[in-house]
Each structure stands twice: as structure tokens, then as C-alpha cells.
């Protein structure tokens, strides 16, 4: 992944986050766990790219897929909490489903100070 372009990383992130959300919704925990690993690895690579990677995560908050928006907003909390919280609040007040539940849980943990980000 080190040699991947930002657009390639964004596409990988969007695909994995979308598949994770669908697998979670369907109760396919094996697939959800595999996609969680892909999202996390791609996020870590984007994170290592500095401002360009952060900008990509912000753009991913504009995805048509609510699962992608939720993942991206969760990761954007680290460096732009105002924008990330606004997106998570929109998702948490949206239609019932996994994306709504996930957003509400992330907001709760973030505001309680129990959400942390790995350092490597």
C-alpha cells in the first residue's frame, strides 16, 4: 500500500468501509472483521501521508454511502473534531440501522473521552 496513490487509497477505503457496513448489517461477522482490517490499514496509510491523507479522509465524509461517511468521520475526529462530530450527529439522527447506531456509539465514546487512536 505504500506506493498507492491517494485516489487508490480512497477507493480502497470506500470499498472496505462500505463492505464492512453491509456485512455488519447482514450479520456476516467474518466478512465484517476482514473489512475492518482493510479500513484500518488503509486509514493508517492515509494518516501517514500528512495533509494530503487528512484531506482525503475529509473528502470521504462526503460519500454517498453512510457507512463510509461514518468511518471517515470517526477517523477525522482526530484532527478536525468539529466537522467530524457534525457528520456523526447527522448519521446518528438518520434512519435506523447500523450506520446510525455506529455513529451514536462513536459520539458517545468520543465525548466520554474513551475513544483513542493508535499511534503507529
N, C-alpha and C. Protein backbone atom coordinates (compact mmCIF):
# COMPACT_ATOMS: atom_id res chain seq x y z
N UNK A 1 0.81 -1.19 0.00
CA UNK A 1 0.00 0.00 0.00
C UNK A 1 0.86 1.26 0.00
N UNK A 2 2.08 1.14 0.39
CA UNK A 2 2.97 2.31 0.47
C UNK A 2 3.08 3.07 -0.85
N UNK A 3 3.06 2.35 -1.97
CA UNK A 3 3.20 3.00 -3.27
C UNK A 3 1.88 3.43 -3.88
N UNK A 4 0.77 3.20 -3.20
CA UNK A 4 -0.55 3.53 -3.75
C UNK A 4 -0.76 5.04 -3.77
N UNK A 5 -1.49 5.49 -4.77
CA UNK A 5 -1.84 6.91 -4.85
C UNK A 5 -2.96 7.22 -3.87
N UNK A 6 -3.13 8.48 -3.58
CA UNK A 6 -4.23 8.91 -2.70
C UNK A 6 -5.59 8.48 -3.27
N UNK A 7 -5.84 8.69 -4.58
CA UNK A 7 -7.13 8.22 -5.11
C UNK A 7 -7.31 6.71 -4.97
N UNK A 8 -6.24 5.94 -5.14
CA UNK A 8 -6.33 4.49 -4.96
C UNK A 8 -6.64 4.14 -3.50
N UNK A 9 -6.01 4.84 -2.58
CA UNK A 9 -6.27 4.60 -1.16
C UNK A 9 -7.70 4.98 -0.79
N UNK A 10 -8.19 6.08 -1.36
CA UNK A 10 -9.57 6.48 -1.10
C UNK A 10 -10.54 5.43 -1.61
N UNK A 11 -10.28 4.90 -2.79
CA UNK A 11 -11.15 3.87 -3.36
C UNK A 11 -11.13 2.61 -2.49
N UNK A 12 -9.95 2.24 -2.03
CA UNK A 12 -9.83 1.06 -1.17
C UNK A 12 -10.59 1.28 0.14
N UNK A 13 -10.42 2.45 0.74
CA UNK A 13 -11.08 2.79 1.99
C UNK A 13 -12.60 2.75 1.80
N UNK A 14 -13.07 3.39 0.73
CA UNK A 14 -14.51 3.46 0.48
C UNK A 14 -15.10 2.06 0.27
N UNK A 15 -14.40 1.24 -0.49
CA UNK A 15 -14.89 -0.12 -0.72
C UNK A 15 -14.94 -0.91 0.59
N UNK A 16 -13.86 -0.87 1.35
CA UNK A 16 -13.79 -1.65 2.59
C UNK A 16 -14.82 -1.16 3.62
N UNK A 17 -14.95 0.15 3.76
CA UNK A 17 -15.92 0.69 4.72
C UNK A 17 -17.34 0.33 4.32
N UNK A 18 -17.64 0.41 3.03
CA UNK A 18 -18.97 0.05 2.55
C UNK A 18 -19.26 -1.43 2.76
N UNK A 19 -18.29 -2.28 2.45
CA UNK A 19 -18.46 -3.71 2.65
C UNK A 19 -18.57 -4.05 4.13
N UNK A 20 -17.81 -3.36 4.97
CA UNK A 20 -17.90 -3.59 6.41
C UNK A 20 -19.31 -3.28 6.90
N UNK A 21 -19.85 -2.15 6.49
CA UNK A 21 -21.19 -1.77 6.92
C UNK A 21 -22.24 -2.76 6.45
N UNK A 22 -22.14 -3.19 5.21
CA UNK A 22 -23.11 -4.15 4.68
C UNK A 22 -22.98 -5.48 5.39
N UNK A 23 -21.75 -5.94 5.62
CA UNK A 23 -21.54 -7.21 6.31
C UNK A 23 -22.06 -7.14 7.75
N UNK A 24 -21.85 -6.02 8.41
CA UNK A 24 -22.37 -5.86 9.78
C UNK A 24 -23.89 -5.90 9.78
N UNK A 25 -24.47 -5.23 8.83
CA UNK A 25 -25.93 -5.21 8.70
C UNK A 25 -26.48 -6.60 8.45
N UNK A 26 -25.76 -7.39 7.65
CA UNK A 26 -26.20 -8.74 7.30
C UNK A 26 -25.84 -9.77 8.36
N UNK A 27 -25.07 -9.38 9.37
CA UNK A 27 -24.66 -10.32 10.40
C UNK A 27 -23.52 -11.22 9.98
N UNK A 28 -22.79 -10.83 8.94
CA UNK A 28 -21.65 -11.61 8.45
C UNK A 28 -20.39 -11.10 9.15
N UNK A 29 -20.15 -11.60 10.34
CA UNK A 29 -19.07 -11.06 11.18
C UNK A 29 -17.68 -11.39 10.63
N UNK A 30 -17.55 -12.51 9.97
CA UNK A 30 -16.25 -12.86 9.39
C UNK A 30 -15.85 -11.84 8.32
N UNK A 31 -16.79 -11.52 7.42
CA UNK A 31 -16.50 -10.52 6.39
C UNK A 31 -16.33 -9.14 7.01
N UNK A 32 -17.15 -8.81 8.00
CA UNK A 32 -17.02 -7.51 8.66
C UNK A 32 -15.64 -7.36 9.30
N UNK A 33 -15.16 -8.40 9.95
CA UNK A 33 -13.84 -8.34 10.58
C UNK A 33 -12.74 -8.17 9.54
N UNK A 34 -12.85 -8.86 8.42
CA UNK A 34 -11.84 -8.73 7.35
C UNK A 34 -11.84 -7.31 6.79
N UNK A 35 -13.03 -6.73 6.62
CA UNK A 35 -13.12 -5.37 6.07
C UNK A 35 -12.67 -4.34 7.11
N UNK A 36 -12.90 -4.61 8.37
CA UNK A 36 -12.39 -3.74 9.43
C UNK A 36 -10.87 -3.63 9.32
N UNK A 37 -10.21 -4.75 9.10
CA UNK A 37 -8.75 -4.75 8.96
C UNK A 37 -8.32 -3.94 7.75
N UNK A 38 -9.07 -4.05 6.64
CA UNK A 38 -8.74 -3.28 5.43
C UNK A 38 -8.94 -1.79 5.66
N UNK A 39 -10.05 -1.41 6.29
CA UNK A 39 -10.31 0.00 6.56
C UNK A 39 -9.20 0.57 7.44
N UNK A 40 -8.88 -0.16 8.49
CA UNK A 40 -7.87 0.32 9.44
C UNK A 40 -6.50 0.45 8.78
N UNK A 41 -6.10 -0.53 8.01
CA UNK A 41 -4.79 -0.47 7.34
C UNK A 41 -4.76 0.69 6.35
N UNK A 42 -5.84 0.91 5.63
CA UNK A 42 -5.89 2.00 4.66
C UNK A 42 -5.90 3.34 5.37
N UNK A 43 -6.64 3.45 6.46
CA UNK A 43 -6.64 4.67 7.26
C UNK A 43 -5.24 4.98 7.76
N UNK A 44 -4.55 3.97 8.25
CA UNK A 44 -3.19 4.20 8.77
C UNK A 44 -2.27 4.70 7.65
N UNK A 45 -2.44 4.17 6.45
CA UNK A 45 -1.62 4.64 5.33
C UNK A 45 -1.99 6.08 4.98
N UNK A 46 -3.28 6.39 4.91
CA UNK A 46 -3.69 7.77 4.63
C UNK A 46 -3.17 8.70 5.71
N UNK A 47 -3.25 8.28 6.92
CA UNK A 47 -2.78 9.07 8.06
C UNK A 47 -1.29 9.39 7.94
N UNK A 48 -0.53 8.43 7.42
CA UNK A 48 0.91 8.62 7.28
C UNK A 48 1.27 9.60 6.16
N UNK A 49 0.29 9.95 5.33
CA UNK A 49 0.53 10.85 4.19
C UNK A 49 0.36 12.32 4.54
N UNK A 50 0.18 12.64 5.81
CA UNK A 50 0.10 14.04 6.23
C UNK A 50 -1.17 14.72 5.74
N UNK A 51 -1.02 15.99 5.37
CA UNK A 51 -2.17 16.81 4.96
C UNK A 51 -2.93 16.20 3.79
N UNK A 52 -2.23 15.61 2.86
CA UNK A 52 -2.90 15.00 1.70
C UNK A 52 -3.81 13.85 2.14
N UNK A 53 -3.35 13.05 3.07
CA UNK A 53 -4.15 11.95 3.59
C UNK A 53 -5.33 12.44 4.41
N UNK A 54 -5.10 13.47 5.23
CA UNK A 54 -6.19 14.05 6.03
C UNK A 54 -7.26 14.63 5.12
N UNK A 55 -6.84 15.30 4.07
CA UNK A 55 -7.79 15.87 3.11
C UNK A 55 -8.62 14.77 2.45
N UNK A 56 -7.99 13.65 2.15
CA UNK A 56 -8.71 12.52 1.56
C UNK A 56 -9.79 12.01 2.51
N UNK A 57 -9.47 11.91 3.79
CA UNK A 57 -10.45 11.44 4.77
C UNK A 57 -11.62 12.41 4.88
N UNK A 58 -11.33 13.71 4.83
CA UNK A 58 -12.40 14.70 4.86
C UNK A 58 -13.30 14.53 3.64
N UNK A 59 -12.70 14.33 2.48
CA UNK A 59 -13.50 14.12 1.26
C UNK A 59 -14.35 12.86 1.37
N UNK A 60 -13.84 11.83 2.02
CA UNK A 60 -14.60 10.58 2.18
C UNK A 60 -15.84 10.80 3.06
N UNK A 61 -15.84 11.83 3.88
CA UNK A 61 -17.04 12.14 4.67
C UNK A 61 -18.19 12.58 3.78
N UNK A 62 -17.91 12.87 2.51
CA UNK A 62 -18.95 13.26 1.57
C UNK A 62 -19.46 12.10 0.73
N UNK A 63 -19.07 10.89 1.04
CA UNK A 63 -19.50 9.71 0.28
C UNK A 63 -21.03 9.56 0.32
N UNK A 64 -21.57 8.98 -0.71
CA UNK A 64 -23.00 8.67 -0.74
C UNK A 64 -23.34 7.55 0.24
N UNK A 65 -22.36 6.75 0.61
CA UNK A 65 -22.59 5.61 1.48
C UNK A 65 -22.46 6.05 2.95
N UNK A 66 -23.52 5.88 3.75
CA UNK A 66 -23.45 6.32 5.14
C UNK A 66 -22.40 5.56 5.96
N UNK A 67 -22.11 4.33 5.61
CA UNK A 67 -21.08 3.58 6.34
C UNK A 67 -19.71 4.19 6.10
N UNK A 68 -19.46 4.61 4.89
CA UNK A 68 -18.18 5.27 4.56
C UNK A 68 -18.09 6.60 5.30
N UNK A 69 -19.18 7.36 5.28
CA UNK A 69 -19.18 8.65 5.99
C UNK A 69 -18.91 8.45 7.48
N UNK A 70 -19.50 7.43 8.06
CA UNK A 70 -19.30 7.16 9.48
C UNK A 70 -17.87 6.79 9.81
N UNK A 71 -17.29 5.90 9.01
CA UNK A 71 -15.89 5.53 9.23
C UNK A 71 -14.99 6.74 9.07
N UNK A 72 -15.20 7.48 7.99
CA UNK A 72 -14.33 8.64 7.73
C UNK A 72 -14.47 9.67 8.85
N UNK A 73 -15.70 9.95 9.25
CA UNK A 73 -15.90 10.93 10.33
C UNK A 73 -15.23 10.46 11.62
N UNK A 74 -15.30 9.18 11.89
CA UNK A 74 -14.63 8.64 13.09
C UNK A 74 -13.14 8.91 13.03
N UNK A 75 -12.55 8.75 11.86
CA UNK A 75 -11.12 8.97 11.70
C UNK A 75 -10.76 10.47 11.65
N UNK A 76 -11.68 11.28 11.17
CA UNK A 76 -11.44 12.72 11.10
C UNK A 76 -11.53 13.36 12.49
N UNK A 77 -12.19 12.70 13.43
CA UNK A 77 -12.25 13.24 14.80
C UNK A 77 -10.87 13.59 15.32
N UNK A 78 -9.88 12.84 14.91
CA UNK A 78 -8.52 13.01 15.40
C UNK A 78 -7.94 14.40 15.08
N UNK A 79 -8.32 14.98 13.95
CA UNK A 79 -7.70 16.25 13.55
C UNK A 79 -8.69 17.36 13.22
N UNK A 80 -9.98 17.04 13.05
CA UNK A 80 -10.99 18.07 12.80
C UNK A 80 -12.29 17.66 13.50
N UNK A 81 -12.29 17.70 14.82
CA UNK A 81 -13.44 17.19 15.55
C UNK A 81 -14.75 17.91 15.25
N UNK A 82 -14.69 19.19 14.97
CA UNK A 82 -15.93 19.93 14.69
C UNK A 82 -16.64 19.36 13.45
N UNK A 83 -15.92 19.20 12.36
CA UNK A 83 -16.52 18.66 11.13
C UNK A 83 -16.95 17.21 11.33
N UNK A 84 -16.12 16.43 12.01
CA UNK A 84 -16.43 15.02 12.21
C UNK A 84 -17.66 14.84 13.09
N UNK A 85 -17.73 15.60 14.17
CA UNK A 85 -18.90 15.49 15.05
C UNK A 85 -20.18 15.87 14.32
N UNK A 86 -20.11 16.89 13.48
CA UNK A 86 -21.30 17.31 12.73
C UNK A 86 -21.79 16.17 11.84
N UNK A 87 -20.87 15.49 11.16
CA UNK A 87 -21.28 14.37 10.30
C UNK A 87 -21.81 13.21 11.13
N UNK A 88 -21.15 12.91 12.23
CA UNK A 88 -21.62 11.81 13.09
C UNK A 88 -22.99 12.12 13.68
N UNK A 89 -23.25 13.38 14.01
CA UNK A 89 -24.56 13.77 14.52
C UNK A 89 -25.63 13.60 13.45
N UNK A 90 -25.29 13.95 12.19
CA UNK A 90 -26.25 13.74 11.09
C UNK A 90 -26.58 12.26 10.96
N UNK A 91 -25.55 11.43 10.99
CA UNK A 91 -25.78 9.99 10.87
C UNK A 91 -26.56 9.44 12.06
N UNK A 92 -26.23 9.91 13.27
CA UNK A 92 -26.88 9.43 14.48
C UNK A 92 -28.36 9.82 14.56
N UNK A 93 -28.75 10.81 13.78
CA UNK A 93 -30.16 11.22 13.77
C UNK A 93 -30.84 10.77 12.47
N UNK A 94 -30.17 9.96 11.70
CA UNK A 94 -30.71 9.48 10.43
C UNK A 94 -31.59 8.25 10.59
N UNK A 95 -31.86 7.59 9.48
CA UNK A 95 -32.73 6.42 9.54
C UNK A 95 -32.14 5.30 10.40
N UNK A 96 -32.99 4.53 11.05
CA UNK A 96 -32.50 3.42 11.87
C UNK A 96 -31.63 2.47 11.06
N UNK A 97 -30.62 1.93 11.70
CA UNK A 97 -29.73 0.98 11.04
C UNK A 97 -28.35 1.00 11.68
N UNK A 98 -27.47 0.22 11.09
CA UNK A 98 -26.11 0.08 11.61
C UNK A 98 -25.36 1.41 11.59
N UNK A 99 -25.49 2.17 10.51
CA UNK A 99 -24.76 3.45 10.41
C UNK A 99 -25.19 4.40 11.52
N UNK A 100 -26.46 4.44 11.80
CA UNK A 100 -26.98 5.30 12.88
C UNK A 100 -26.45 4.85 14.24
N UNK A 101 -26.53 3.58 14.50
CA UNK A 101 -26.05 3.03 15.77
C UNK A 101 -24.55 3.26 15.94
N UNK A 102 -23.78 2.97 14.90
CA UNK A 102 -22.33 3.17 14.97
C UNK A 102 -21.98 4.64 15.25
N UNK A 103 -22.65 5.55 14.56
CA UNK A 103 -22.37 6.98 14.75
C UNK A 103 -22.68 7.40 16.18
N UNK A 104 -23.81 6.95 16.71
CA UNK A 104 -24.18 7.30 18.07
C UNK A 104 -23.16 6.75 19.08
N UNK A 105 -22.69 5.54 18.84
CA UNK A 105 -21.70 4.94 19.75
C UNK A 105 -20.37 5.66 19.68
N UNK A 106 -19.93 6.01 18.48
CA UNK A 106 -18.67 6.73 18.34
C UNK A 106 -18.76 8.09 19.05
N UNK A 107 -19.86 8.81 18.84
CA UNK A 107 -20.03 10.10 19.50
C UNK A 107 -20.01 9.95 21.02
N UNK A 108 -20.70 8.94 21.52
CA UNK A 108 -20.74 8.73 22.97
C UNK A 108 -19.34 8.47 23.52
N UNK A 109 -18.59 7.60 22.87
CA UNK A 109 -17.23 7.27 23.33
C UNK A 109 -16.30 8.48 23.19
N UNK A 110 -16.42 9.21 22.10
CA UNK A 110 -15.59 10.40 21.87
C UNK A 110 -15.84 11.43 22.97
N UNK A 111 -17.09 11.69 23.23
CA UNK A 111 -17.44 12.71 24.21
C UNK A 111 -17.13 12.28 25.65
N UNK A 112 -17.08 10.97 25.87
CA UNK A 112 -16.71 10.46 27.19
C UNK A 112 -15.19 10.43 27.37
N UNK A 113 -14.47 10.66 26.28
CA UNK A 113 -13.01 10.65 26.34
C UNK A 113 -12.41 9.25 26.31
N UNK A 114 -13.19 8.27 25.88
CA UNK A 114 -12.70 6.89 25.86
C UNK A 114 -12.33 6.39 24.46
N UNK A 115 -12.51 7.22 23.45
CA UNK A 115 -12.13 6.84 22.10
C UNK A 115 -10.67 7.25 21.88
N UNK A 116 -9.87 6.31 21.46
CA UNK A 116 -8.45 6.64 21.24
C UNK A 116 -8.02 6.19 19.86
N UNK A 117 -6.92 6.75 19.41
CA UNK A 117 -6.38 6.44 18.10
C UNK A 117 -5.00 5.82 18.28
N UNK A 118 -4.73 4.76 17.54
CA UNK A 118 -3.38 4.16 17.65
C UNK A 118 -2.31 5.14 17.21
N UNK A 119 -1.12 4.97 17.74
CA UNK A 119 -0.04 5.89 17.43
C UNK A 119 0.88 5.38 16.34
N UNK A 120 0.72 4.15 15.91
CA UNK A 120 1.59 3.66 14.82
C UNK A 120 0.82 2.92 13.77
